[in-house]
Amino acid sequence: MARTRNSEIAIENIRLDKLTGEYLTEIKKSDADVEVSRWQLLLYLKVLKDKGIIRK
């Protein structure tokens, strides 16, 4: 897991905006499709869970 200066976290082929002790937070900078954003977040949560990292 590599951290960059803007606190973005890279795991495998995904980049997480923010990971706290309890939550995974993704920030969209545009009018992104809400449904697509939801599925992206669910995928990220699954990747984390597969690695033993449980977040909401």
Protein backbone atom coordinates (compact mmCIF):
# COMPACT_ATOMS: atom_id res chain seq x y z
CA MET A 1 0.00 0.00 0.00
CA ALA A 2 1.54 3.32 -1.07
CA ARG A 3 0.51 6.75 0.17
CA THR A 4 0.87 9.86 -1.91
CA ARG A 5 1.08 13.42 -0.69
CA ASN A 6 -2.65 14.13 -1.14
CA SER A 7 -3.52 11.12 1.07
CA GLU A 8 -4.69 9.01 -1.86
CA ILE A 9 -3.97 5.33 -1.23
CA ALA A 10 -3.09 2.82 -3.96
CA ILE A 11 -3.87 -0.87 -3.55
CA GLU A 12 -3.34 -3.12 -6.56
CA ASN A 13 -5.04 -1.33 -9.47
CA ILE A 14 -7.33 0.96 -7.43
CA ARG A 15 -6.77 4.34 -5.83
CA LEU A 16 -8.70 5.20 -2.68
CA ASP A 17 -9.30 8.85 -1.80
CA LYS A 18 -9.41 8.37 1.96
CA LEU A 19 -9.32 5.40 4.32
CA THR A 20 -9.99 5.99 8.02
CA GLY A 21 -10.25 3.52 10.88
CA GLU A 22 -13.95 3.08 10.13
CA TYR A 23 -14.74 4.36 6.61
CA LEU A 24 -13.66 4.33 2.99
CA THR A 25 -14.36 7.73 1.44
CA GLU A 26 -14.42 8.41 -2.30
CA ILE A 27 -14.73 11.99 -3.52
CA LYS A 28 -16.07 12.73 -6.98
CA LYS A 29 -14.94 16.01 -8.53
CA SER A 30 -17.56 16.04 -11.26
CA ASP A 31 -21.20 15.18 -11.81
CA ALA A 32 -20.40 11.49 -11.87
CA ASP A 33 -23.17 8.96 -12.39
CA VAL A 34 -24.39 8.10 -8.88
CA GLU A 35 -25.09 4.45 -9.73
CA VAL A 36 -21.65 3.97 -11.28
CA SER A 37 -20.04 5.65 -8.27
CA ARG A 38 -21.95 3.35 -5.94
CA TRP A 39 -20.73 0.23 -7.77
CA GLN A 40 -17.17 1.55 -7.76
CA LEU A 41 -17.33 2.03 -3.99
CA LEU A 42 -18.74 -1.48 -3.52
CA LEU A 43 -15.89 -2.92 -5.62
CA TYR A 44 -13.32 -1.04 -3.53
CA LEU A 45 -14.92 -2.32 -0.30
CA LYS A 46 -14.73 -5.88 -1.63
CA VAL A 47 -11.06 -5.54 -2.60
CA LEU A 48 -10.29 -4.23 0.88
CA LYS A 49 -12.34 -7.00 2.53
CA ASP A 50 -10.47 -9.64 0.51
CA LYS A 51 -7.28 -8.22 2.03
CA GLY A 52 -8.71 -8.35 5.56
CA ILE A 53 -9.48 -4.62 5.76
CA ILE A 54 -13.11 -4.11 6.81
CA ARG A 55 -14.59 -0.63 6.35
CA LYS A 56 -18.00 0.96 5.91
